[in-house]
């Protein structure tokens, strides 16, 4: 199974979700699920902000760099499940890739049945940033639990 997280630039939410899900799946010894992330407007020169790197370190997640990647039709084809962060992103993908509509979901809706956006924490600081990142972490944990239940 291939899971793809999608956000705007692929340096904050989708990348963090990717790394968190990899961690949660590893803890469950599930190596049969591949996780990747993309951005709707990503550019390869975008870099992961230091506050994201620090958050991931606090979660005991270390990574060897990350190159932001633009979402493509091939990515849509490859993914079995595509999780986006906002309704705007959902609408964009449903318009552009309507043939894949059966596998595109809003992250919080897929995780909890909440049709709400997971706002971008990149412009936030301090407590507001961490609240948003903790919300992302809980949602990704719920996705991991959902994918591995049986």
N, C-alpha and C. Protein backbone atom coordinates (compact mmCIF):
# COMPACT_ATOMS: atom_id res chain seq x y z
N UNK A 1 0.84 -1.18 0.00
CA UNK A 1 0.00 0.00 0.00
C UNK A 1 0.88 1.24 0.00
N UNK A 2 0.47 2.26 -0.74
CA UNK A 2 1.20 3.53 -0.84
C UNK A 2 0.32 4.67 -0.35
N UNK A 3 0.82 5.41 0.64
CA UNK A 3 0.10 6.54 1.21
C UNK A 3 0.85 7.82 0.84
N UNK A 4 0.12 8.81 0.35
CA UNK A 4 0.72 10.10 0.00
C UNK A 4 0.03 11.22 0.77
N UNK A 5 0.82 12.01 1.50
CA UNK A 5 0.32 13.22 2.15
C UNK A 5 0.61 14.40 1.24
N UNK A 6 -0.35 15.31 1.13
CA UNK A 6 -0.20 16.46 0.25
C UNK A 6 -0.53 17.74 1.01
N UNK A 7 0.33 18.75 0.85
CA UNK A 7 0.01 20.08 1.36
C UNK A 7 0.47 21.10 0.31
N UNK A 8 0.69 22.31 0.74
CA UNK A 8 1.02 23.38 -0.19
C UNK A 8 2.44 23.26 -0.75
N UNK A 9 3.44 23.25 0.15
CA UNK A 9 4.84 23.33 -0.31
C UNK A 9 5.67 22.09 -0.01
N UNK A 10 5.12 21.13 0.70
CA UNK A 10 5.81 19.87 1.03
C UNK A 10 7.05 20.07 1.90
N UNK A 11 6.98 21.05 2.82
CA UNK A 11 8.09 21.25 3.75
C UNK A 11 7.61 21.32 5.21
N UNK A 12 6.33 21.26 5.42
CA UNK A 12 5.82 21.39 6.78
C UNK A 12 4.84 20.27 7.09
N UNK A 13 3.57 20.46 6.79
CA UNK A 13 2.54 19.48 7.19
C UNK A 13 2.70 18.13 6.51
N UNK A 14 2.78 18.11 5.18
CA UNK A 14 2.83 16.80 4.50
C UNK A 14 4.12 16.07 4.82
N UNK A 15 5.23 16.80 4.87
CA UNK A 15 6.49 16.16 5.21
C UNK A 15 6.48 15.63 6.65
N UNK A 16 5.98 16.44 7.58
CA UNK A 16 5.89 16.00 8.98
C UNK A 16 4.97 14.79 9.11
N UNK A 17 3.84 14.82 8.42
CA UNK A 17 2.91 13.69 8.45
C UNK A 17 3.58 12.43 7.91
N UNK A 18 4.33 12.58 6.83
CA UNK A 18 5.07 11.46 6.25
C UNK A 18 6.00 10.84 7.28
N UNK A 19 6.80 11.67 7.92
CA UNK A 19 7.78 11.17 8.88
C UNK A 19 7.11 10.58 10.12
N UNK A 20 6.04 11.20 10.58
CA UNK A 20 5.31 10.66 11.74
C UNK A 20 4.67 9.31 11.41
N UNK A 21 4.05 9.20 10.24
CA UNK A 21 3.42 7.93 9.89
C UNK A 21 4.47 6.83 9.74
N UNK A 22 5.60 7.15 9.15
CA UNK A 22 6.68 6.16 9.05
C UNK A 22 7.07 5.66 10.44
N UNK A 23 7.18 6.59 11.39
CA UNK A 23 7.54 6.22 12.77
C UNK A 23 6.47 5.31 13.38
N UNK A 24 5.21 5.71 13.27
CA UNK A 24 4.12 4.93 13.88
C UNK A 24 4.02 3.55 13.25
N UNK A 25 4.20 3.46 11.94
CA UNK A 25 4.15 2.16 11.26
C UNK A 25 5.33 1.28 11.65
N UNK A 26 6.48 1.88 11.81
CA UNK A 26 7.67 1.14 12.24
C UNK A 26 7.46 0.55 13.64
N UNK A 27 6.84 1.33 14.51
CA UNK A 27 6.55 0.86 15.87
C UNK A 27 5.61 -0.35 15.85
N UNK A 28 4.81 -0.45 14.81
CA UNK A 28 3.87 -1.57 14.66
C UNK A 28 4.44 -2.67 13.75
N UNK A 29 5.72 -2.53 13.40
CA UNK A 29 6.39 -3.48 12.51
C UNK A 29 5.66 -3.66 11.18
N UNK A 30 5.13 -2.57 10.65
CA UNK A 30 4.43 -2.62 9.36
C UNK A 30 5.33 -2.03 8.29
N UNK A 31 6.01 -2.88 7.58
CA UNK A 31 6.91 -2.44 6.52
C UNK A 31 6.25 -2.58 5.14
N UNK A 32 5.01 -3.00 5.13
CA UNK A 32 4.29 -3.21 3.87
C UNK A 32 3.57 -1.94 3.40
N UNK A 33 3.69 -0.87 4.17
CA UNK A 33 3.03 0.38 3.80
C UNK A 33 4.11 1.42 3.50
N UNK A 34 4.12 1.92 2.27
CA UNK A 34 5.07 2.93 1.84
C UNK A 34 4.42 4.31 2.01
N UNK A 35 5.20 5.25 2.52
CA UNK A 35 4.67 6.60 2.78
C UNK A 35 5.54 7.62 2.06
N UNK A 36 4.88 8.55 1.37
CA UNK A 36 5.60 9.65 0.74
C UNK A 36 4.75 10.90 0.80
N UNK A 37 5.34 12.03 0.46
CA UNK A 37 4.60 13.30 0.52
C UNK A 37 4.95 14.18 -0.67
N UNK A 38 4.02 15.05 -0.98
CA UNK A 38 4.20 15.97 -2.10
C UNK A 38 3.52 17.30 -1.77
N UNK A 39 3.81 18.30 -2.60
CA UNK A 39 3.18 19.61 -2.46
C UNK A 39 2.55 20.04 -3.76
N UNK A 40 1.45 20.73 -3.65
CA UNK A 40 0.74 21.22 -4.84
C UNK A 40 1.56 22.31 -5.54
N UNK A 41 2.28 23.11 -4.74
CA UNK A 41 3.10 24.18 -5.30
C UNK A 41 4.56 24.07 -4.86
N UNK A 42 5.01 22.85 -4.58
CA UNK A 42 6.37 22.63 -4.09
C UNK A 42 7.42 22.95 -5.15
N UNK A 43 8.56 23.40 -4.68
CA UNK A 43 9.72 23.63 -5.53
C UNK A 43 10.90 22.94 -4.86
N UNK A 44 11.76 22.34 -5.63
CA UNK A 44 12.86 21.54 -5.08
C UNK A 44 13.82 22.35 -4.21
N UNK A 45 13.85 23.66 -4.39
CA UNK A 45 14.75 24.49 -3.59
C UNK A 45 14.15 24.89 -2.24
N UNK A 46 12.86 24.57 -2.00
CA UNK A 46 12.26 24.85 -0.69
C UNK A 46 12.94 23.97 0.35
N UNK A 47 13.22 24.52 1.50
CA UNK A 47 13.84 23.72 2.56
C UNK A 47 12.94 23.64 3.78
N UNK A 48 13.13 22.58 4.55
CA UNK A 48 12.34 22.35 5.76
C UNK A 48 12.73 23.40 6.79
N UNK A 49 11.76 24.15 7.32
CA UNK A 49 12.06 25.16 8.34
C UNK A 49 12.62 24.52 9.61
N UNK A 50 13.47 25.26 10.30
CA UNK A 50 14.13 24.72 11.49
C UNK A 50 13.13 24.33 12.57
N UNK A 51 12.01 25.03 12.69
CA UNK A 51 11.06 24.65 13.74
C UNK A 51 10.41 23.30 13.44
N UNK A 52 10.30 22.92 12.17
CA UNK A 52 9.80 21.59 11.82
C UNK A 52 10.86 20.55 12.16
N UNK A 53 12.10 20.84 11.82
CA UNK A 53 13.20 19.94 12.15
C UNK A 53 13.26 19.71 13.66
N UNK A 54 13.12 20.79 14.42
CA UNK A 54 13.16 20.68 15.89
C UNK A 54 11.99 19.86 16.42
N UNK A 55 10.80 20.09 15.87
CA UNK A 55 9.62 19.32 16.30
C UNK A 55 9.86 17.83 16.04
N UNK A 56 10.35 17.51 14.87
CA UNK A 56 10.58 16.10 14.54
C UNK A 56 11.67 15.49 15.43
N UNK A 57 12.70 16.26 15.76
CA UNK A 57 13.73 15.77 16.68
C UNK A 57 13.12 15.44 18.04
N UNK A 58 12.21 16.29 18.48
CA UNK A 58 11.54 16.05 19.77
C UNK A 58 10.71 14.77 19.72
N UNK A 59 10.31 14.36 18.53
CA UNK A 59 9.56 13.12 18.34
C UNK A 59 10.50 11.94 18.05
N UNK A 60 11.79 12.18 18.24
CA UNK A 60 12.83 11.16 17.95
C UNK A 60 12.84 10.74 16.49
N UNK A 61 12.59 11.70 15.62
CA UNK A 61 12.63 11.47 14.18
C UNK A 61 13.78 12.27 13.60
N UNK A 62 14.75 11.56 13.09
CA UNK A 62 15.88 12.19 12.42
C UNK A 62 15.82 11.81 10.95
N UNK A 63 16.13 12.73 10.09
CA UNK A 63 16.07 12.43 8.66
C UNK A 63 17.28 13.02 7.98
N UNK A 64 17.62 12.45 6.87
CA UNK A 64 18.78 12.87 6.10
C UNK A 64 18.36 13.83 4.99
N UNK A 65 17.93 14.98 5.37
CA UNK A 65 17.51 15.96 4.38
C UNK A 65 16.16 15.63 3.76
N UNK A 66 15.62 16.59 3.08
CA UNK A 66 14.35 16.42 2.39
C UNK A 66 14.32 17.39 1.23
N UNK A 67 13.91 16.91 0.09
CA UNK A 67 13.77 17.74 -1.10
C UNK A 67 12.27 17.86 -1.40
N UNK A 68 11.75 19.05 -1.28
CA UNK A 68 10.33 19.26 -1.57
C UNK A 68 10.03 18.78 -2.98
N UNK A 69 8.90 18.10 -3.14
CA UNK A 69 8.56 17.52 -4.44
C UNK A 69 7.15 17.92 -4.85
N UNK A 70 7.02 18.30 -6.10
CA UNK A 70 5.74 18.69 -6.69
C UNK A 70 4.91 17.46 -7.00
N UNK A 71 3.65 17.50 -6.65
CA UNK A 71 2.72 16.40 -6.92
C UNK A 71 2.55 16.22 -8.43
N UNK A 72 2.56 14.97 -8.87
CA UNK A 72 2.40 14.68 -10.30
C UNK A 72 1.28 13.66 -10.51
N UNK A 73 0.89 13.50 -11.75
CA UNK A 73 -0.09 12.48 -12.09
C UNK A 73 0.41 11.08 -11.75
N UNK A 74 1.72 10.86 -11.92
CA UNK A 74 2.31 9.56 -11.57
C UNK A 74 2.18 9.28 -10.08
N UNK A 75 2.34 10.33 -9.25
CA UNK A 75 2.16 10.18 -7.79
C UNK A 75 0.72 9.80 -7.47
N UNK A 76 -0.21 10.45 -8.15
CA UNK A 76 -1.64 10.17 -7.94
C UNK A 76 -1.94 8.72 -8.31
N UNK A 77 -1.36 8.27 -9.40
CA UNK A 77 -1.55 6.89 -9.86
C UNK A 77 -0.97 5.90 -8.85
N UNK A 78 0.24 6.20 -8.36
CA UNK A 78 0.95 5.29 -7.45
C UNK A 78 0.26 5.15 -6.10
N UNK A 79 -0.30 6.24 -5.59
CA UNK A 79 -0.87 6.24 -4.24
C UNK A 79 -2.19 5.47 -4.18
N UNK A 80 -2.34 4.73 -3.11
CA UNK A 80 -3.61 4.05 -2.82
C UNK A 80 -4.51 4.92 -1.96
N UNK A 81 -3.88 5.84 -1.23
CA UNK A 81 -4.59 6.76 -0.35
C UNK A 81 -3.85 8.09 -0.38
N UNK A 82 -4.60 9.18 -0.61
CA UNK A 82 -4.02 10.52 -0.68
C UNK A 82 -4.73 11.37 0.37
N UNK A 83 -3.94 11.91 1.30
CA UNK A 83 -4.48 12.69 2.39
C UNK A 83 -4.00 14.13 2.29
N UNK A 84 -4.95 15.06 2.17
CA UNK A 84 -4.65 16.48 2.04
C UNK A 84 -4.99 17.21 3.33
N UNK A 85 -4.48 18.42 3.47
CA UNK A 85 -4.63 19.16 4.72
C UNK A 85 -5.81 20.11 4.76
N UNK A 86 -6.24 20.62 3.59
CA UNK A 86 -7.31 21.62 3.58
C UNK A 86 -8.35 21.30 2.50
N UNK A 87 -9.51 21.89 2.67
CA UNK A 87 -10.57 21.71 1.67
C UNK A 87 -10.18 22.32 0.34
N UNK A 88 -9.42 23.42 0.36
CA UNK A 88 -8.95 24.02 -0.89
C UNK A 88 -8.06 23.03 -1.65
N UNK A 89 -7.18 22.34 -0.92
CA UNK A 89 -6.32 21.34 -1.56
C UNK A 89 -7.15 20.16 -2.06
N UNK A 90 -8.14 19.76 -1.29
CA UNK A 90 -9.03 18.68 -1.70
C UNK A 90 -9.74 19.06 -3.00
N UNK A 91 -10.30 20.27 -3.04
CA UNK A 91 -11.00 20.73 -4.24
C UNK A 91 -10.07 20.79 -5.44
N UNK A 92 -8.85 21.28 -5.22
CA UNK A 92 -7.87 21.37 -6.30
C UNK A 92 -7.59 19.99 -6.89
N UNK A 93 -7.33 19.02 -6.00
CA UNK A 93 -7.02 17.67 -6.49
C UNK A 93 -8.23 17.01 -7.14
N UNK A 94 -9.41 17.22 -6.59
CA UNK A 94 -10.60 16.63 -7.19
C UNK A 94 -10.89 17.23 -8.57
N UNK A 95 -10.57 18.52 -8.74
CA UNK A 95 -10.74 19.15 -10.05
C UNK A 95 -9.68 18.66 -11.05
N UNK A 96 -8.43 18.64 -10.61
CA UNK A 96 -7.33 18.31 -11.51
C UNK A 96 -7.20 16.81 -11.77
N UNK A 97 -7.51 15.99 -10.77
CA UNK A 97 -7.34 14.54 -10.87
C UNK A 97 -8.63 13.81 -10.50
N UNK A 98 -9.70 14.17 -11.15
CA UNK A 98 -11.01 13.61 -10.80
C UNK A 98 -11.06 12.09 -10.92
N UNK A 99 -10.23 11.53 -11.78
CA UNK A 99 -10.23 10.07 -11.95
C UNK A 99 -9.73 9.34 -10.70
N UNK A 100 -9.14 10.08 -9.77
CA UNK A 100 -8.64 9.47 -8.53
C UNK A 100 -9.46 9.88 -7.32
N UNK A 101 -10.66 10.39 -7.54
CA UNK A 101 -11.48 10.94 -6.45
C UNK A 101 -11.79 9.93 -5.35
N UNK A 102 -11.78 8.65 -5.69
CA UNK A 102 -12.12 7.63 -4.69
C UNK A 102 -11.02 7.38 -3.67
N UNK A 103 -9.85 7.99 -3.87
CA UNK A 103 -8.76 7.77 -2.91
C UNK A 103 -8.19 9.06 -2.33
N UNK A 104 -8.89 10.18 -2.50
CA UNK A 104 -8.44 11.47 -1.97
C UNK A 104 -9.34 11.87 -0.80
N UNK A 105 -8.71 12.17 0.34
CA UNK A 105 -9.46 12.54 1.54
C UNK A 105 -8.79 13.70 2.26
N UNK A 106 -9.59 14.44 2.97
CA UNK A 106 -9.10 15.43 3.91
C UNK A 106 -8.56 14.66 5.12
N UNK A 107 -7.36 14.99 5.57
CA UNK A 107 -6.71 14.24 6.65
C UNK A 107 -7.59 14.10 7.88
N UNK A 108 -8.12 15.20 8.40
CA UNK A 108 -8.91 15.12 9.62
C UNK A 108 -10.22 14.36 9.41
N UNK A 109 -10.75 14.40 8.21
CA UNK A 109 -11.96 13.64 7.90
C UNK A 109 -11.64 12.15 7.89
N UNK A 110 -10.56 11.77 7.25
CA UNK A 110 -10.17 10.36 7.21
C UNK A 110 -9.83 9.84 8.61
N UNK A 111 -9.14 10.66 9.39
CA UNK A 111 -8.71 10.25 10.73
C UNK A 111 -9.87 10.17 11.72
N UNK A 112 -10.74 11.20 11.71
CA UNK A 112 -11.78 11.31 12.75
C UNK A 112 -13.19 11.55 12.25
N UNK A 113 -13.36 11.74 10.96
CA UNK A 113 -14.68 12.12 10.46
C UNK A 113 -14.97 13.60 10.66
N UNK A 114 -13.92 14.42 10.84
CA UNK A 114 -14.07 15.87 10.99
C UNK A 114 -13.75 16.54 9.66
N UNK A 115 -14.73 17.17 9.07
CA UNK A 115 -14.50 17.87 7.81
C UNK A 115 -13.95 19.25 8.10
N UNK A 116 -12.72 19.28 8.60
CA UNK A 116 -12.05 20.53 8.96
C UNK A 116 -10.66 20.56 8.36
N UNK A 117 -10.19 21.79 8.14
CA UNK A 117 -8.83 21.97 7.66
C UNK A 117 -7.83 21.78 8.79
N UNK A 118 -6.65 21.32 8.45
CA UNK A 118 -5.51 21.34 9.36
C UNK A 118 -4.68 22.52 8.87
N UNK A 119 -4.79 23.63 9.59
CA UNK A 119 -4.15 24.85 9.14
C UNK A 119 -2.63 24.74 9.12
N UNK A 120 -2.04 25.59 8.33
CA UNK A 120 -0.59 25.59 8.17
C UNK A 120 0.05 26.24 9.40
N UNK A 121 0.89 25.51 10.14
CA UNK A 121 1.49 26.07 11.35
C UNK A 121 2.75 26.91 11.08
N UNK A 122 3.17 26.99 9.84
CA UNK A 122 4.46 27.60 9.53
C UNK A 122 4.54 29.06 9.96
N UNK A 123 3.44 29.80 9.91
CA UNK A 123 3.48 31.21 10.31
C UNK A 123 3.23 31.40 11.80
N UNK A 124 2.99 30.31 12.50
CA UNK A 124 2.72 30.40 13.94
C UNK A 124 4.02 30.23 14.72
N UNK A 125 3.97 30.64 15.96
CA UNK A 125 5.13 30.45 16.82
C UNK A 125 4.68 29.98 18.19
N UNK A 126 5.64 29.52 18.97
CA UNK A 126 5.38 29.12 20.34
C UNK A 126 4.27 28.11 20.48
N UNK A 127 3.39 28.38 21.43
CA UNK A 127 2.30 27.48 21.77
C UNK A 127 1.37 27.20 20.59
N UNK A 128 1.07 28.22 19.80
CA UNK A 128 0.17 28.05 18.65
C UNK A 128 0.76 27.07 17.64
N UNK A 129 2.06 27.17 17.39
CA UNK A 129 2.73 26.24 16.49
C UNK A 129 2.63 24.81 17.02
N UNK A 130 2.96 24.63 18.29
CA UNK A 130 2.94 23.28 18.87
C UNK A 130 1.54 22.70 18.94
N UNK A 131 0.53 23.53 19.18
CA UNK A 131 -0.85 23.02 19.20
C UNK A 131 -1.22 22.44 17.84
N UNK A 132 -0.86 23.14 16.78
CA UNK A 132 -1.17 22.67 15.44
C UNK A 132 -0.39 21.40 15.11
N UNK A 133 0.87 21.36 15.49
CA UNK A 133 1.69 20.17 15.21
C UNK A 133 1.22 18.97 16.03
N UNK A 134 0.76 19.20 17.23
CA UNK A 134 0.21 18.10 18.04
C UNK A 134 -1.10 17.59 17.43
N UNK A 135 -1.87 18.49 16.87
CA UNK A 135 -3.10 18.09 16.18
C UNK A 135 -2.77 17.22 14.97
N UNK A 136 -1.73 17.60 14.23
CA UNK A 136 -1.26 16.80 13.10
C UNK A 136 -0.80 15.43 13.58
N UNK A 137 -0.02 15.41 14.64
CA UNK A 137 0.51 14.15 15.19
C UNK A 137 -0.63 13.21 15.59
N UNK A 138 -1.63 13.73 16.29
CA UNK A 138 -2.77 12.90 16.72
C UNK A 138 -3.54 12.34 15.51
N UNK A 139 -3.71 13.17 14.49
CA UNK A 139 -4.43 12.73 13.30
C UNK A 139 -3.66 11.63 12.57
N UNK A 140 -2.35 11.80 12.46
CA UNK A 140 -1.51 10.80 11.80
C UNK A 140 -1.51 9.50 12.61
N UNK A 141 -1.50 9.60 13.92
CA UNK A 141 -1.57 8.40 14.77
C UNK A 141 -2.89 7.68 14.53
N UNK A 142 -3.98 8.43 14.41
CA UNK A 142 -5.28 7.82 14.13
C UNK A 142 -5.27 7.14 12.76
N UNK A 143 -4.61 7.72 11.78
CA UNK A 143 -4.48 7.11 10.46
C UNK A 143 -3.69 5.80 10.58
N UNK A 144 -2.59 5.84 11.32
CA UNK A 144 -1.77 4.62 11.51
C UNK A 144 -2.60 3.52 12.15
N UNK A 145 -3.37 3.88 13.16
CA UNK A 145 -4.22 2.89 13.83
C UNK A 145 -5.26 2.31 12.87
N UNK A 146 -5.85 3.19 12.07
CA UNK A 146 -6.86 2.76 11.10
C UNK A 146 -6.26 1.82 10.05
N UNK A 147 -5.07 2.14 9.59
CA UNK A 147 -4.42 1.34 8.55
C UNK A 147 -3.97 -0.03 9.06
N UNK A 148 -3.73 -0.13 10.35
CA UNK A 148 -3.17 -1.37 10.90
C UNK A 148 -4.15 -2.18 11.73
N UNK A 149 -5.38 -1.73 11.81
CA UNK A 149 -6.36 -2.51 12.57
C UNK A 149 -6.84 -3.70 11.75
N UNK A 150 -6.94 -4.83 12.37
CA UNK A 150 -7.50 -6.06 11.79
C UNK A 150 -7.04 -7.26 12.56
